[in-house]
Amino acid sequence: MSDTHAESVAFVRESVIPPAPPPARETGAVRWLRENLFATWFNAILTLVALYVLWVLLSGLVPWVVNGTWQGSSLAECREILQGNGGGCFSVLRERWPQLLFGFQYPDYLRWRPVLAFFLLFVAVPPALFIMFLPRWTLIVTAIYPFLAYWLIWGGTILTPLFAALGFLAGYLAFSIVERRGFVLGLAAGLLAAVAVWWFGGLLAGEFPRFARLEAVVSRAMGGFMLNLILGIVCVSLSLPFGILLALGRQSRLPVVKGFCVVFIEFVRGVPLITLLFVANVVLAFFLPPDANFDLILRVIIMITLFASAYIAEVIRGGLAALPKGQYEAADSLGLDYAQAMRLIILPQALKISIPGIVNVAVGLFKDTTLVSVISMFDLVGMIRGPILASTAWAGIYWELWAAACIMFFTVCYGISQYSQWLERQLHTDHR
């Protein structure tokens, strides 16, 4: 056989070649930097520009924080201590933190009551937010907390929050009994039962004003970040059920109900919140009897709740519209009435879809509570703009106070956002 036609002999390896390590540019931090920051020349330029901007900001912020002082009882003393080193005068926070948190009128010796109500909030909220991990009976704590917190913060006789709670309980029982004959009829029966209990409770509380009484605090004394928390928590909690009712009413087949909900939603969404706050503060008093005493905080809570309810209603309506028609047909095929279908099949899916929008409204609403400062309510922003900056001791100081306000609001809003993302991951079961 010719050498040019030599036969090739096949070779089969009997041992496994050990795996070679990947190239350095394909692992670890180098790979992350190459893929995320320097994937293209344009990304590389943006990364370098961002690093330069970050360096400029930090080069001014870090010395301002590190060289700052917490000593001194006035801006003049603070500047004397700093001696022009460019540090922040954080002593204003040490001197005025009670006013930033509680306002300047809430009695000093009663501050333990809102502090206790704040810490009890962390006991009452988990049963509602993490119900999948806790037994259902813990929701009793969540249901009791609003009335207990009201008694602690405002004081007065315990009969007022007690009968308020009994009114809600009576309304729920009446709704559960009558709801079988019609959803709207059940709502009317529940409302009548609640109003009757509240009216009787008001008479009884007037007869026994000293029963289990705490020292009363007027609403005008509420201020600081405490006022922002009160308005934010109460209005967000109330606007969600009202928003659900408005969304369902807008899809109702009853012309009167649908027309009312459409007009209400479109009107409220077309009016700035600050206008509604002025209505609550000034205009509403002209429509009340001369001797009527309608609490200002209650008026503001009503207006903010109505404002947020209109936006949440549109968010939930979007969730309802996103559901396929087969879900409604499935509820009908099971023989469920309207209330049962909404409670068991439709609303759970619609609310799951609407979580990002609801959280967006909640975060915006909490930040919008600072608008009450324009109607002479001394919330956190009102305290900074008013009594603190108007004092001769701290006139001219700005950055330290506004930075503290930003941190407070960011902490709450970031917590809400993180919880919503966690809840979305828990409910994301369609592709598991």
Protein backbone atom coordinates (compact mmCIF):
# COMPACT_ATOMS: atom_id res chain seq x y z
CA MET A 1 0.00 0.00 0.00
CA SER A 2 1.27 3.46 -0.84
CA ASP A 3 2.50 5.76 1.95
CA THR A 4 0.19 8.50 0.70
CA HIS A 5 -2.79 6.29 1.50
CA ALA A 6 -1.77 5.36 5.00
CA GLU A 7 -4.71 4.37 7.13
CA SER A 8 -5.53 6.47 10.22
CA VAL A 9 -6.00 4.66 13.49
CA ALA A 10 -8.84 5.81 15.79
CA PHE A 11 -7.92 6.71 19.37
CA VAL A 12 -10.24 6.51 22.36
CA ARG A 13 -9.11 8.22 25.58
CA GLU A 14 -9.50 6.04 28.64
CA SER A 15 -8.99 8.80 31.26
CA VAL A 16 -10.97 12.02 31.85
CA ILE A 17 -9.20 15.29 31.31
CA PRO A 18 -9.59 17.44 34.43
CA PRO A 19 -11.72 20.55 33.75
CA ALA A 20 -9.71 23.66 33.10
CA PRO A 21 -10.58 26.82 34.99
CA PRO A 22 -12.50 29.42 32.96
CA PRO A 23 -10.64 32.50 31.76
CA ALA A 24 -10.22 35.21 34.36
CA ARG A 25 -12.35 37.63 32.36
CA GLU A 26 -15.29 35.19 32.52
CA THR A 27 -15.51 34.84 36.31
CA GLY A 28 -15.98 36.90 39.44
CA ALA A 29 -15.89 40.65 39.64
CA VAL A 30 -14.11 41.02 36.30
CA ARG A 31 -16.96 39.35 34.47
CA TRP A 32 -19.57 41.42 36.34
CA LEU A 33 -17.75 44.66 35.52
CA ARG A 34 -17.33 43.71 31.87
CA GLU A 35 -20.98 42.70 31.40
CA ASN A 36 -22.65 45.43 33.43
CA LEU A 37 -20.38 48.48 33.30
CA PHE A 38 -18.06 48.13 30.31
CA ALA A 39 -20.00 45.96 27.85
CA THR A 40 -19.76 48.60 25.11
CA TRP A 41 -17.82 51.80 24.62
CA PHE A 42 -20.99 53.82 25.34
CA ASN A 43 -21.56 51.97 28.63
CA ALA A 44 -17.93 52.55 29.54
CA ILE A 45 -18.29 56.32 29.01
CA LEU A 46 -21.49 56.41 31.08
CA THR A 47 -19.77 54.43 33.85
CA LEU A 48 -16.82 56.82 33.97
CA VAL A 49 -19.13 59.87 34.01
CA ALA A 50 -21.22 58.33 36.81
CA LEU A 51 -18.10 57.57 38.85
CA TYR A 52 -16.94 61.17 38.44
CA VAL A 53 -20.32 62.57 39.55
CA LEU A 54 -20.36 60.18 42.52
CA TRP A 55 -16.85 61.26 43.47
CA VAL A 56 -17.82 64.94 43.35
CA LEU A 57 -20.88 64.33 45.55
CA LEU A 58 -19.11 62.17 48.09
CA SER A 59 -16.09 64.48 48.28
CA GLY A 60 -18.43 67.18 49.57
CA LEU A 61 -20.83 65.02 51.58
CA VAL A 62 -18.39 62.85 53.52
CA PRO A 63 -16.37 65.74 55.03
CA TRP A 64 -19.62 67.55 55.84
CA VAL A 65 -20.81 64.52 57.84
CA VAL A 66 -17.48 63.46 59.36
CA ASN A 67 -16.39 66.96 60.41
CA GLY A 68 -19.84 67.87 61.73
CA THR A 69 -20.57 68.52 65.37
CA TRP A 70 -23.40 67.60 67.72
CA GLN A 71 -22.41 70.22 70.31
CA GLY A 72 -23.80 73.70 70.81
CA SER A 73 -27.20 75.15 71.62
CA SER A 74 -27.39 77.65 68.75
CA LEU A 75 -26.08 78.19 65.26
CA ALA A 76 -23.56 80.75 66.52
CA GLU A 77 -22.10 78.31 69.05
CA CYS A 78 -22.05 75.56 66.46
CA ARG A 79 -20.09 77.68 63.99
CA GLU A 80 -17.68 78.67 66.72
CA ILE A 81 -17.01 75.00 67.45
CA LEU A 82 -16.60 74.13 63.76
CA GLN A 83 -14.25 77.07 63.12
CA GLY A 84 -14.94 76.99 59.40
CA ASN A 85 -13.95 73.37 58.73
CA GLY A 86 -17.01 72.81 56.52
CA GLY A 87 -18.78 70.35 58.81
CA GLY A 88 -22.48 70.10 59.47
CA CYS A 89 -24.18 71.58 62.48
CA PHE A 90 -26.08 68.51 63.66
CA SER A 91 -26.61 69.93 67.13
CA VAL A 92 -29.91 71.33 65.86
CA LEU A 93 -31.17 67.74 65.63
CA ARG A 94 -30.04 67.03 69.18
CA GLU A 95 -31.71 70.18 70.48
CA ARG A 96 -34.95 70.00 68.48
CA TRP A 97 -35.59 66.28 67.99
CA PRO A 98 -38.70 66.32 70.28
CA GLN A 99 -40.26 69.01 68.08
CA LEU A 100 -39.33 67.14 64.90
CA LEU A 101 -41.06 64.01 66.21
CA PHE A 102 -43.96 65.31 68.32
CA GLY A 103 -44.43 68.98 67.42
CA PHE A 104 -44.11 71.84 69.88
CA GLN A 105 -47.52 71.61 71.61
CA TYR A 106 -47.80 67.95 72.59
CA PRO A 107 -47.19 67.81 76.38
CA ASP A 108 -43.71 66.58 77.30
CA TYR A 109 -44.90 64.30 80.10
CA LEU A 110 -47.39 62.56 77.78
CA ARG A 111 -44.98 61.66 74.97
CA TRP A 112 -44.77 58.11 76.31
CA ARG A 113 -48.27 57.52 74.93
CA PRO A 114 -47.53 58.08 71.20
CA VAL A 115 -44.21 56.24 71.67
CA LEU A 116 -46.09 53.26 73.11
CA ALA A 117 -48.62 53.43 70.26
CA PHE A 118 -45.75 53.46 67.76
CA PHE A 119 -44.12 50.33 69.20
CA LEU A 120 -47.48 48.56 69.45
CA LEU A 121 -47.78 49.19 65.71
CA PHE A 122 -45.04 46.61 65.14
CA VAL A 123 -47.16 44.09 67.04
CA ALA A 124 -50.40 44.89 65.22
CA VAL A 125 -49.11 45.13 61.64
CA PRO A 126 -47.47 41.68 61.15
CA PRO A 127 -50.75 39.70 61.42
CA ALA A 128 -52.14 41.73 58.51
CA LEU A 129 -48.99 41.79 56.37
CA PHE A 130 -47.76 38.25 57.03
CA ILE A 131 -51.04 36.42 57.51
CA MET A 132 -49.72 33.42 55.55
CA PHE A 133 -47.23 32.71 58.36
CA LEU A 134 -49.38 33.57 61.39
CA PRO A 135 -52.64 32.10 62.71
CA ARG A 136 -55.78 33.99 61.79
CA TRP A 137 -56.73 34.73 65.39
CA THR A 138 -53.80 37.18 65.55
CA LEU A 139 -55.85 39.50 63.31
CA ILE A 140 -57.78 40.36 66.48
CA VAL A 141 -54.72 42.31 67.61
CA THR A 142 -54.70 44.20 64.30
CA ALA A 143 -58.40 44.99 64.66
CA ILE A 144 -58.03 46.28 68.23
CA TYR A 145 -54.94 48.40 67.58
CA PRO A 146 -56.54 51.44 65.81
CA PHE A 147 -58.92 52.06 68.69
CA LEU A 148 -56.24 51.51 71.35
CA ALA A 149 -53.83 53.83 69.51
CA TYR A 150 -56.51 56.53 69.28
CA TRP A 151 -57.10 56.31 73.05
CA LEU A 152 -53.37 56.49 73.78
CA ILE A 153 -52.62 59.45 71.51
CA TRP A 154 -55.74 61.57 71.99
CA GLY A 155 -56.74 60.42 75.47
CA GLY A 156 -60.20 60.92 76.94
CA THR A 157 -62.58 58.22 78.10
CA ILE A 158 -62.07 54.70 76.79
CA LEU A 159 -65.80 54.50 76.02
CA THR A 160 -65.29 56.51 72.82
CA PRO A 161 -62.92 54.05 71.06
CA LEU A 162 -64.76 51.11 72.67
CA PHE A 163 -68.10 52.01 71.11
CA ALA A 164 -66.37 52.92 67.86
CA ALA A 165 -65.04 49.35 67.73
CA LEU A 166 -68.46 47.94 68.65
CA GLY A 167 -70.01 50.02 65.86
CA PHE A 168 -67.70 48.48 63.26
CA LEU A 169 -68.41 45.02 64.68
CA ALA A 170 -72.17 45.60 64.57
CA GLY A 171 -71.91 46.88 61.01
CA TYR A 172 -69.94 43.81 59.93
CA LEU A 173 -72.43 41.43 61.55
CA ALA A 174 -75.39 43.24 59.98
CA PHE A 175 -73.71 43.14 56.58
CA SER A 176 -72.97 39.41 56.92
CA ILE A 177 -76.60 38.64 57.75
CA VAL A 178 -78.32 40.86 55.17
CA GLU A 179 -75.73 40.43 52.40
CA ARG A 180 -77.39 37.19 51.28
CA ARG A 181 -80.35 39.23 50.06
CA GLY A 182 -78.19 41.67 48.14
CA PHE A 183 -74.78 43.27 48.34
CA VAL A 184 -76.05 46.87 48.33
CA LEU A 185 -78.75 46.02 50.90
CA GLY A 186 -76.08 44.46 53.11
CA LEU A 187 -73.95 47.61 52.93
CA ALA A 188 -76.93 49.76 53.89
CA ALA A 189 -77.80 47.51 56.84
CA GLY A 190 -74.20 47.49 58.04
CA LEU A 191 -73.96 51.27 57.84
CA LEU A 192 -77.21 51.75 59.76
CA ALA A 193 -76.14 49.33 62.49
CA ALA A 194 -72.76 51.03 62.88
CA VAL A 195 -74.29 54.53 63.05
CA ALA A 196 -76.81 53.37 65.66
CA VAL A 197 -74.11 51.95 67.92
CA TRP A 198 -71.94 55.06 67.49
CA TRP A 199 -74.87 57.35 68.37
CA PHE A 200 -75.67 55.35 71.49
CA GLY A 201 -71.97 55.22 72.41
CA GLY A 202 -71.66 58.98 72.08
CA LEU A 203 -74.56 59.47 74.49
CA LEU A 204 -73.08 57.00 76.98
CA ALA A 205 -69.60 58.51 76.75
CA GLY A 206 -71.11 61.91 77.53
CA GLU A 207 -72.79 60.48 80.64
CA PHE A 208 -69.58 58.89 81.93
CA PRO A 209 -66.78 61.20 80.75
CA ARG A 210 -64.38 60.12 83.53
CA PHE A 211 -64.63 56.36 82.95
CA ALA A 212 -61.12 54.91 82.35
CA ARG A 213 -59.93 58.35 81.31
CA LEU A 214 -56.55 59.52 80.08
CA GLU A 215 -55.68 63.19 79.92
CA ALA A 216 -57.12 64.53 76.67
CA VAL A 217 -54.89 66.13 74.05
CA VAL A 218 -56.42 68.41 71.41
CA SER A 219 -55.75 67.76 67.76
CA ARG A 220 -54.00 71.10 67.34
CA ALA A 221 -51.27 69.73 69.63
CA MET A 222 -50.41 66.97 67.14
CA GLY A 223 -47.36 67.72 65.09
CA GLY A 224 -43.99 66.60 63.84
CA PHE A 225 -43.33 63.30 62.14
CA MET A 226 -45.97 61.78 64.44
CA LEU A 227 -48.65 63.69 62.49
CA ASN A 228 -47.28 62.44 59.16
CA LEU A 229 -47.37 58.85 60.43
CA ILE A 230 -50.93 59.24 61.75
CA LEU A 231 -52.21 60.69 58.48
CA GLY A 232 -50.27 58.24 56.32
CA ILE A 233 -51.25 55.06 58.19
CA VAL A 234 -54.90 56.00 58.68
CA CYS A 235 -55.49 57.31 55.16
CA VAL A 236 -53.75 54.41 53.42
CA SER A 237 -55.67 51.90 55.54
CA LEU A 238 -59.02 53.56 54.82
CA SER A 239 -58.46 54.35 51.15
CA LEU A 240 -57.91 50.71 50.17
CA PRO A 241 -61.41 49.42 51.06
CA PHE A 242 -63.03 52.59 49.75
CA GLY A 243 -61.04 52.27 46.53
CA ILE A 244 -62.22 48.67 46.12
CA LEU A 245 -65.85 49.74 46.55
CA LEU A 246 -65.44 52.57 44.04
CA ALA A 247 -63.80 50.25 41.50
CA LEU A 248 -66.62 47.72 41.87
CA GLY A 249 -69.20 50.51 41.71
CA ARG A 250 -67.72 51.83 38.48
CA GLN A 251 -68.24 48.40 36.93
CA SER A 252 -71.73 48.04 38.37
CA ARG A 253 -74.74 47.47 36.13
CA LEU A 254 -76.84 49.86 38.22
CA PRO A 255 -76.80 53.24 36.43
CA VAL A 256 -77.09 55.28 39.64
CA VAL A 257 -74.23 53.49 41.39
CA LYS A 258 -72.00 53.54 38.32
CA GLY A 259 -72.74 57.19 37.57
CA PHE A 260 -71.98 58.28 41.13
CA CYS A 261 -68.67 56.39 41.19
CA VAL A 262 -67.61 57.73 37.77
CA VAL A 263 -68.40 61.34 38.69
CA PHE A 264 -66.68 61.02 42.07
CA ILE A 265 -63.51 59.42 40.70
CA GLU A 266 -63.13 61.80 37.78
CA PHE A 267 -63.84 64.87 39.90
CA VAL A 268 -61.39 63.96 42.68
CA ARG A 269 -58.66 62.98 40.22
CA GLY A 270 -59.08 66.32 38.47
CA VAL A 271 -58.63 68.40 41.64
CA PRO A 272 -55.24 68.99 43.35
CA LEU A 273 -54.92 67.60 46.88
CA ILE A 274 -53.95 71.01 48.21
CA THR A 275 -57.34 72.32 47.06
CA LEU A 276 -59.15 69.63 49.02
CA LEU A 277 -57.06 70.46 52.09
CA PHE A 278 -58.09 74.11 51.85
CA VAL A 279 -61.69 72.95 51.56
CA ALA A 280 -61.26 70.86 54.70
CA ASN A 281 -59.67 73.74 56.58
CA VAL A 282 -61.76 76.73 55.49
CA VAL A 283 -64.66 76.07 53.17
CA LEU A 284 -66.13 73.10 55.03
CA ALA A 285 -66.73 75.22 58.13
CA PHE A 286 -69.27 77.34 56.22
CA PHE A 287 -71.49 74.29 55.67
CA LEU A 288 -71.50 73.25 59.34
CA PRO A 289 -73.75 74.60 62.12
CA PRO A 290 -72.29 77.57 64.04
CA ASP A 291 -71.70 75.52 67.20
CA ALA A 292 -70.35 72.45 65.38
CA ASN A 293 -66.88 71.26 66.40
CA PHE A 294 -65.60 69.13 63.55
CA ASP A 295 -62.04 68.11 64.36
CA LEU A 296 -59.49 69.45 61.84
CA ILE A 297 -57.46 66.24 61.71
CA LEU A 298 -60.64 64.29 61.05
CA ARG A 299 -61.51 66.65 58.19
CA VAL A 300 -58.02 66.27 56.72
CA ILE A 301 -58.17 62.48 57.06
CA ILE A 302 -61.50 62.43 55.20
CA MET A 303 -60.19 64.57 52.36
CA ILE A 304 -56.91 62.69 51.93
CA THR A 305 -58.73 59.36 52.11
CA LEU A 306 -61.20 60.40 49.43
CA PHE A 307 -58.35 61.67 47.26
CA ALA A 308 -56.36 58.43 47.55
CA SER A 309 -59.47 56.26 47.15
CA ALA A 310 -60.12 57.69 43.68
CA TYR A 311 -56.61 56.77 42.51
CA ILE A 312 -56.67 53.32 44.11
CA ALA A 313 -60.05 52.70 42.48
CA GLU A 314 -58.53 53.25 39.05
CA VAL A 315 -55.60 50.98 39.89
CA ILE A 316 -57.93 48.20 41.01
CA ARG A 317 -60.18 48.75 37.98
CA GLY A 318 -57.15 48.08 35.83
CA GLY A 319 -56.60 44.82 37.72
CA LEU A 320 -60.23 43.84 37.23
CA ALA A 321 -60.04 44.62 33.51
CA ALA A 322 -56.88 42.49 33.18
CA LEU A 323 -58.67 39.34 34.31
CA PRO A 324 -59.96 37.12 31.51
CA LYS A 325 -63.69 36.79 31.12
CA GLY A 326 -63.42 33.10 31.95
CA GLN A 327 -62.82 33.92 35.61
CA TYR A 328 -66.21 35.60 35.87
CA GLU A 329 -67.83 32.72 33.99
CA ALA A 330 -66.13 30.22 36.31
CA ALA A 331 -67.61 32.00 39.33
CA ASP A 332 -71.07 31.87 37.74
CA SER A 333 -70.68 28.16 36.94
CA LEU A 334 -69.94 27.45 40.60
CA GLY A 335 -73.22 29.07 41.60
CA LEU A 336 -71.58 31.91 43.55
CA ASP A 337 -73.44 35.15 44.06
CA TYR A 338 -71.85 38.55 43.37
CA ALA A 339 -70.29 39.05 46.81
CA GLN A 340 -68.92 35.51 46.99
CA ALA A 341 -67.49 35.67 43.49
CA MET A 342 -65.73 38.95 44.21
CA ARG A 343 -64.42 37.86 47.59
CA LEU A 344 -63.24 34.38 46.65
CA ILE A 345 -62.24 34.53 42.96
CA ILE A 346 -62.15 37.96 41.31
CA LEU A 347 -60.71 40.37 43.89
CA PRO A 348 -57.79 38.15 45.06
CA GLN A 349 -56.51 37.96 41.48
CA ALA A 350 -57.21 41.62 40.72
CA LEU A 351 -55.46 42.80 43.89
CA LYS A 352 -52.46 40.63 43.07
CA ILE A 353 -52.14 42.35 39.70
CA SER A 354 -52.69 45.77 41.27
CA ILE A 355 -49.99 45.54 43.97
CA PRO A 356 -47.42 47.78 42.20
CA GLY A 357 -50.01 50.48 41.50
CA ILE A 358 -51.43 50.37 45.03
CA VAL A 359 -47.96 50.68 46.56
CA ASN A 360 -47.20 53.59 44.24
CA VAL A 361 -50.32 55.41 45.47
CA ALA A 362 -49.49 54.58 49.10
CA VAL A 363 -45.94 55.94 48.84
CA GLY A 364 -47.13 59.09 47.08
CA LEU A 365 -49.88 59.56 49.64
CA PHE A 366 -47.47 59.29 52.57
CA LYS A 367 -45.20 61.94 51.04
CA ASP A 368 -48.21 64.15 50.26
CA THR A 369 -49.05 64.35 53.96
CA THR A 370 -46.48 67.14 54.10
CA LEU A 371 -48.97 69.35 52.25
CA VAL A 372 -50.88 69.84 55.51
CA SER A 373 -48.19 72.38 56.42
CA VAL A 374 -49.87 74.87 54.06
CA ILE A 375 -53.01 74.87 56.22
CA SER A 376 -51.08 75.67 59.41
CA MET A 377 -50.66 72.10 60.62
CA PHE A 378 -47.19 71.63 62.04
CA ASP A 379 -46.11 68.29 60.66
CA LEU A 380 -42.41 67.54 60.13
CA VAL A 381 -42.08 69.99 57.23
CA GLY A 382 -44.26 72.54 59.01
CA MET A 383 -42.04 72.35 62.10
CA ILE A 384 -38.90 72.92 60.05
CA ARG A 385 -40.36 75.80 58.03
CA GLY A 386 -42.09 77.34 61.03
CA PRO A 387 -40.97 77.27 64.67
CA ILE A 388 -37.45 75.89 64.17
CA LEU A 389 -36.22 78.13 61.34
CA ALA A 390 -38.12 81.09 62.79
CA SER A 391 -36.24 80.84 66.10
CA THR A 392 -33.33 83.23 66.55
CA ALA A 393 -31.08 80.40 67.76
CA TRP A 394 -31.27 78.37 64.54
CA ALA A 395 -32.16 80.94 61.88
CA GLY A 396 -30.16 80.20 58.74
CA ILE A 397 -29.67 76.45 59.15
CA TYR A 398 -31.25 74.28 56.42
CA TRP A 399 -29.33 71.27 55.15
CA GLU A 400 -29.19 69.36 58.42
CA LEU A 401 -32.94 69.62 59.04
CA TRP A 402 -33.99 68.76 55.51
CA ALA A 403 -31.53 65.85 55.40
CA ALA A 404 -33.09 64.44 58.58
CA ALA A 405 -36.57 64.83 57.05
CA CYS A 406 -35.45 63.04 53.87
CA ILE A 407 -34.03 60.13 55.89
CA MET A 408 -37.26 59.74 57.89
CA PHE A 409 -39.49 59.69 54.83
CA PHE A 410 -37.11 57.51 52.84
CA THR A 411 -37.03 54.91 55.62
CA VAL A 412 -40.80 54.52 55.63
CA CYS A 413 -41.23 54.62 51.84
CA TYR A 414 -38.38 52.18 51.26
CA GLY A 415 -39.90 49.77 53.78
CA ILE A 416 -43.24 49.91 51.96
CA SER A 417 -41.54 49.29 48.63
CA GLN A 418 -39.53 46.32 49.91
CA TYR A 419 -42.61 44.73 51.44
CA SER A 420 -44.52 45.06 48.18
CA GLN A 421 -41.70 43.38 46.25
CA TRP A 422 -41.58 40.57 48.79
CA LEU A 423 -45.35 40.14 48.57
CA GLU A 424 -45.18 39.99 44.77
CA ARG A 425 -42.59 37.22 45.00
CA GLN A 426 -44.76 35.31 47.46
CA LEU A 427 -47.80 35.56 45.19
CA HIS A 428 -45.92 34.84 41.97
CA THR A 429 -47.06 31.24 41.69
CA ASP A 430 -48.15 31.00 38.06
CA HIS A 431 -44.76 29.93 36.68
CA ARG A 432 -43.43 27.81 39.53
